[in-house]
């Protein structure tokens, strides 16, 4: 790498670093508070150095004055934040899925601290969150993040393209939010449906035999059956996790392809 070339094009290098660092600050896992800020900055600088030759050869028009350059940096930061936000929202589907049936199991009061989100979440939500984190690494999430979110985005999209593709970007963000709840419900439905059937059965038994203390019996039954269902469905859940993660990257690639064609999503 020619350091002199980067030094002579510091403005272009700062543009690359702005988008990359904004995406790393929002993207799953990399945005965790457990990762030192210095490490995140170093990763952003290293990534900017790696992709600099491709962007430099392709050409990137520079503004004429400092005010336009500041607006350009803001636009690049918005692109990075938007791409990272889409991945984060899809990734949050696993956390929401665990919250859906945690309350039905009786674990609603069992809150644990999530160091990545910096919030208190139900125990099973954190469990599915950790499983999703491993699946994200197994399916090559980081490689896809840098290929789709960094290199591909610089190849087809610049800050000025936000104005022309703002409708597609808005549809991408809103679509990812709706996909969050849909995928969370699909993931949690086997366990949630089973717990719902148990609750209905308990209600019928309580009506038929009022002398039975079904309130005390219902909690261990729900917890035991829920854990059995989690063990049985875990292979299918991991496949669903991988499919959802891949779908989120495909959605980003589809949006970038539409931007390259000059259309909207």
Protein backbone atom coordinates (compact mmCIF):
# COMPACT_ATOMS: atom_id res chain seq x y z
CA UNK A 1 0.00 0.00 0.00
CA UNK A 2 1.37 3.40 -1.04
CA UNK A 3 1.17 5.50 2.12
CA UNK A 4 2.15 8.57 0.13
CA UNK A 5 -0.91 8.09 -2.08
CA UNK A 6 -3.19 7.99 0.98
CA UNK A 7 -1.47 11.04 2.45
CA UNK A 8 -2.02 12.91 -0.82
CA UNK A 9 -5.72 11.97 -0.79
CA UNK A 10 -6.53 12.47 2.86
CA UNK A 11 -9.99 13.84 2.09
CA UNK A 12 -10.97 10.66 0.24
CA UNK A 13 -9.53 8.48 3.00
CA UNK A 14 -11.53 10.38 5.65
CA UNK A 15 -14.70 9.82 3.61
CA UNK A 16 -14.04 6.07 3.55
CA UNK A 17 -13.30 5.97 7.25
CA UNK A 18 -16.45 7.95 8.12
CA UNK A 19 -18.82 5.49 6.45
CA UNK A 20 -16.97 2.43 7.75
CA UNK A 21 -16.76 3.67 11.33
CA UNK A 22 -20.44 4.69 11.33
CA UNK A 23 -21.42 1.20 10.17
CA UNK A 24 -19.16 -0.53 12.71
CA UNK A 25 -20.68 1.59 15.48
CA UNK A 26 -24.17 0.26 14.66
CA UNK A 27 -23.61 -3.22 13.19
CA UNK A 28 -24.28 -6.34 15.31
CA UNK A 29 -21.51 -7.56 17.64
CA UNK A 30 -19.05 -4.90 16.51
CA UNK A 31 -21.11 -2.17 18.17
CA UNK A 32 -20.90 -3.87 21.56
CA UNK A 33 -19.61 -1.82 24.45
CA UNK A 34 -17.45 -4.83 25.28
CA UNK A 35 -15.28 -3.97 22.26
CA UNK A 36 -12.92 -1.09 23.08
CA UNK A 37 -13.38 2.06 21.05
CA UNK A 38 -9.71 2.02 20.10
CA UNK A 39 -10.12 -1.43 18.55
CA UNK A 40 -13.17 -0.26 16.58
CA UNK A 41 -11.28 2.79 15.30
CA UNK A 42 -8.29 0.62 14.36
CA UNK A 43 -10.55 -1.80 12.47
CA UNK A 44 -12.16 1.11 10.64
CA UNK A 45 -8.75 2.54 9.66
CA UNK A 46 -7.49 -0.85 8.52
CA UNK A 47 -10.62 -1.46 6.41
CA UNK A 48 -10.36 2.01 4.87
CA UNK A 49 -6.75 1.33 3.94
CA UNK A 50 -7.70 -1.99 2.32
CA UNK A 51 -10.48 -0.62 0.12
CA UNK A 52 -8.77 2.68 -0.71
CA UNK A 53 -7.15 1.44 -3.97
CA UNK A 54 -10.49 0.29 -5.43
CA UNK A 55 -12.29 3.51 -4.56
CA UNK A 56 -9.38 5.64 -5.76
CA UNK A 57 -9.22 3.87 -9.11
CA UNK A 58 -12.99 4.09 -9.57
CA UNK A 59 -12.90 7.80 -8.76
CA UNK A 60 -14.79 9.77 -6.18
CA UNK A 61 -15.72 13.41 -6.96
CA UNK A 62 -14.52 15.81 -4.28
CA UNK A 63 -16.50 18.95 -3.31
CA UNK A 64 -15.25 22.42 -4.07
CA UNK A 65 -15.43 23.92 -0.57
CA UNK A 66 -15.34 22.92 3.07
CA UNK A 67 -19.08 23.25 3.67
CA UNK A 68 -19.91 20.80 0.90
CA UNK A 69 -17.25 18.45 2.24
CA UNK A 70 -18.83 18.50 5.72
CA UNK A 71 -22.23 17.67 4.23
CA UNK A 72 -20.57 14.89 2.26
CA UNK A 73 -19.14 13.40 5.47
CA UNK A 74 -22.58 13.60 7.09
CA UNK A 75 -24.10 11.78 4.13
CA UNK A 76 -21.45 9.06 4.28
CA UNK A 77 -22.13 8.62 8.00
CA UNK A 78 -25.86 8.28 7.27
CA UNK A 79 -25.16 5.54 4.73
CA UNK A 80 -23.06 3.60 7.23
CA UNK A 81 -25.62 4.04 10.01
CA UNK A 82 -28.47 2.92 7.74
CA UNK A 83 -26.70 -0.26 6.61
CA UNK A 84 -25.69 -1.14 10.17
CA UNK A 85 -29.19 -0.36 11.46
CA UNK A 86 -30.81 -2.78 9.01
CA UNK A 87 -28.57 -5.61 10.19
CA UNK A 88 -29.12 -4.71 13.84
CA UNK A 89 -32.89 -4.70 13.48
CA UNK A 90 -32.90 -8.13 11.83
CA UNK A 91 -30.50 -9.41 14.49
CA UNK A 92 -32.87 -8.15 17.20
CA UNK A 93 -35.52 -10.61 15.96
CA UNK A 94 -33.83 -13.36 17.98
CA UNK A 95 -33.98 -11.28 21.14
CA UNK A 96 -37.66 -10.46 20.60
CA UNK A 97 -38.42 -14.13 19.91
CA UNK A 98 -37.01 -15.08 23.30
CA UNK A 99 -39.07 -12.36 24.95
CA UNK A 100 -42.25 -13.71 23.41
CA UNK A 101 -42.22 -17.03 25.25
CA UNK A 102 -40.19 -15.98 28.32
CA UNK A 103 -43.30 -14.47 29.88
CA UNK A 104 -45.37 -17.55 29.02
CA UNK A 105 -42.82 -19.77 30.74
CA UNK A 106 -42.80 -17.67 33.87
CA UNK A 107 -39.32 -16.26 33.26
CA UNK A 108 -40.57 -12.75 32.64
CA UNK A 109 -39.16 -11.56 35.96
CA UNK A 110 -35.76 -13.16 35.28
CA UNK A 111 -33.84 -10.27 33.76
CA UNK A 112 -30.18 -10.39 32.80
CA UNK A 113 -27.87 -7.62 31.66
CA UNK A 114 -27.03 -7.58 27.97
CA UNK A 115 -23.57 -5.98 27.56
CA UNK A 116 -24.16 -5.43 23.83
CA UNK A 117 -27.48 -3.60 24.05
CA UNK A 118 -26.79 -2.13 27.51
CA UNK A 119 -30.30 -3.08 28.70
CA UNK A 120 -32.00 -5.66 30.91
CA UNK A 121 -33.56 -8.47 28.87
CA UNK A 122 -35.31 -11.76 29.74
CA UNK A 123 -33.10 -14.77 30.35
CA UNK A 124 -34.20 -16.75 27.29
CA UNK A 125 -33.90 -13.66 25.13
CA UNK A 126 -30.24 -13.48 26.08
CA UNK A 127 -29.90 -17.23 25.41
CA UNK A 128 -31.23 -16.90 21.86
CA UNK A 129 -29.13 -13.78 21.44
CA UNK A 130 -25.96 -15.73 22.21
CA UNK A 131 -27.00 -18.57 19.87
CA UNK A 132 -27.65 -16.02 17.11
CA UNK A 133 -24.22 -14.52 17.74
CA UNK A 134 -22.55 -17.88 17.18
CA UNK A 135 -24.64 -18.50 14.05
CA UNK A 136 -23.69 -15.04 12.76
CA UNK A 137 -20.02 -15.99 13.06
CA UNK A 138 -20.50 -19.50 11.61
CA UNK A 139 -22.30 -18.31 8.46
CA UNK A 140 -19.56 -15.77 7.76
CA UNK A 141 -21.47 -12.71 8.90
CA UNK A 142 -18.36 -10.58 9.29
CA UNK A 143 -17.12 -11.45 5.80
CA UNK A 144 -20.51 -10.59 4.31
CA UNK A 145 -20.64 -7.42 6.38
CA UNK A 146 -17.40 -6.10 4.94
CA UNK A 147 -18.08 -7.34 1.40
CA UNK A 148 -21.69 -6.14 1.15
CA UNK A 149 -21.73 -3.26 3.60
CA UNK A 150 -18.33 -1.77 2.82
CA UNK A 151 -16.81 -2.72 -0.52
CA UNK A 152 -20.04 -3.16 -2.46
CA UNK A 153 -21.60 -0.02 -1.01
CA UNK A 154 -18.62 2.09 -2.09
CA UNK A 155 -18.75 0.59 -5.55
CA UNK A 156 -22.35 1.59 -6.23
CA UNK A 157 -23.36 4.31 -3.76
CA UNK A 158 -22.13 7.74 -2.75
CA UNK A 159 -23.52 10.27 -0.32
CA UNK A 160 -25.28 12.22 -3.08
CA UNK A 161 -27.18 9.08 -4.05
CA UNK A 162 -29.16 9.28 -0.80
CA UNK A 163 -31.23 12.09 -2.33
CA UNK A 164 -32.12 10.02 -5.39
CA UNK A 165 -32.68 6.76 -3.49
CA UNK A 166 -34.20 8.11 -0.28
CA UNK A 167 -37.50 6.34 -0.96
CA UNK A 168 -35.76 3.01 -1.39
CA UNK A 169 -33.70 3.56 1.76
CA UNK A 170 -36.83 4.40 3.74
CA UNK A 171 -38.57 1.28 2.43
CA UNK A 172 -35.53 -0.78 3.39
CA UNK A 173 -35.57 0.51 6.97
CA UNK A 174 -39.34 0.18 7.39
CA UNK A 175 -39.29 -3.25 5.79
CA UNK A 176 -36.59 -4.41 8.20
CA UNK A 177 -38.69 -3.21 11.16
CA UNK A 178 -41.73 -5.16 9.97
CA UNK A 179 -39.53 -8.16 9.24
CA UNK A 180 -38.27 -7.99 12.84
CA UNK A 181 -41.66 -8.84 14.34
CA UNK A 182 -42.59 -11.32 11.63
CA UNK A 183 -39.40 -13.35 11.95
CA UNK A 184 -39.53 -13.16 15.77
CA UNK A 185 -43.04 -14.59 15.74
CA UNK A 186 -42.05 -17.35 13.31
CA UNK A 187 -39.05 -18.35 15.45
CA UNK A 188 -41.00 -18.36 18.71
CA UNK A 189 -44.21 -19.90 17.36
CA UNK A 190 -43.38 -23.61 18.05
CA UNK A 191 -42.58 -22.92 21.70
CA UNK A 192 -45.14 -20.17 22.09
CA UNK A 193 -47.87 -22.32 20.55
CA UNK A 194 -47.02 -25.24 22.80
CA UNK A 195 -47.17 -23.05 25.90
CA UNK A 196 -50.49 -21.65 24.72
CA UNK A 197 -51.91 -25.19 24.45
CA UNK A 198 -50.63 -25.94 27.94
CA UNK A 199 -52.31 -22.81 29.30
CA UNK A 200 -55.61 -23.80 27.67
CA UNK A 201 -55.30 -27.33 29.05
CA UNK A 202 -54.60 -25.97 32.52
CA UNK A 203 -57.66 -23.76 32.27
CA UNK A 204 -59.85 -26.72 31.35
CA UNK A 205 -58.41 -28.81 34.18
CA UNK A 206 -58.98 -25.99 36.64
CA UNK A 207 -62.59 -25.84 35.57
CA UNK A 208 -63.04 -29.62 35.83
CA UNK A 209 -61.16 -30.04 39.11
CA UNK A 210 -61.21 -26.79 41.12
CA UNK A 211 -59.65 -28.49 44.13
CA UNK A 212 -56.34 -28.94 42.27
CA UNK A 213 -53.74 -26.24 42.80
CA UNK A 214 -52.94 -25.82 39.12
CA UNK A 215 -51.26 -22.48 39.68
CA UNK A 216 -48.38 -24.17 41.48
CA UNK A 217 -48.33 -27.14 39.12
CA UNK A 218 -48.46 -25.03 35.97
CA UNK A 219 -45.12 -23.28 36.40
CA UNK A 220 -42.87 -26.39 36.52
CA UNK A 221 -44.88 -28.04 33.74
CA UNK A 222 -44.52 -25.01 31.47
CA UNK A 223 -40.83 -24.60 32.23
CA UNK A 224 -40.05 -28.29 31.70
CA UNK A 225 -41.98 -28.60 28.43
CA UNK A 226 -40.55 -25.32 27.14
CA UNK A 227 -36.98 -26.50 27.71
CA UNK A 228 -37.77 -29.80 26.00
CA UNK A 229 -39.19 -27.91 23.03
CA UNK A 230 -36.09 -25.70 22.90
CA UNK A 231 -33.82 -28.76 22.79
CA UNK A 232 -35.96 -30.45 20.13
CA UNK A 233 -36.29 -27.39 17.91
CA UNK A 234 -32.76 -26.00 18.36
CA UNK A 235 -31.40 -27.47 15.07
CA UNK A 236 -34.34 -25.95 13.20
CA UNK A 237 -33.91 -22.66 15.07
CA UNK A 238 -30.26 -22.45 14.05
CA UNK A 239 -31.24 -23.03 10.42
CA UNK A 240 -33.83 -20.29 10.77
CA UNK A 241 -31.22 -17.97 12.30
CA UNK A 242 -28.84 -18.56 9.38
CA UNK A 243 -31.64 -18.02 6.86
CA UNK A 244 -32.69 -14.74 8.48
CA UNK A 245 -29.11 -13.44 8.61
CA UNK A 246 -28.55 -14.33 4.95
CA UNK A 247 -31.86 -12.69 4.02
CA UNK A 248 -30.81 -9.45 5.68
CA UNK A 249 -27.61 -9.31 3.62
CA UNK A 250 -29.54 -10.19 0.46
CA UNK A 251 -31.94 -7.33 1.19
CA UNK A 252 -29.02 -4.91 1.45
CA UNK A 253 -27.50 -6.25 -1.75
CA UNK A 254 -30.83 -5.88 -3.53
CA UNK A 255 -31.08 -2.28 -2.41
CA UNK A 256 -27.53 -1.55 -3.59
CA UNK A 257 -28.29 -3.20 -6.93
CA UNK A 258 -31.34 -0.98 -7.35
CA UNK A 259 -29.24 2.07 -6.51
CA UNK A 260 -26.70 0.99 -9.13
CA UNK A 261 -29.45 0.71 -11.74
CA UNK A 262 -30.68 4.15 -10.74
CA UNK A 263 -34.07 2.89 -9.51
CA UNK A 264 -35.67 2.52 -6.10
CA UNK A 265 -36.57 -0.46 -3.96
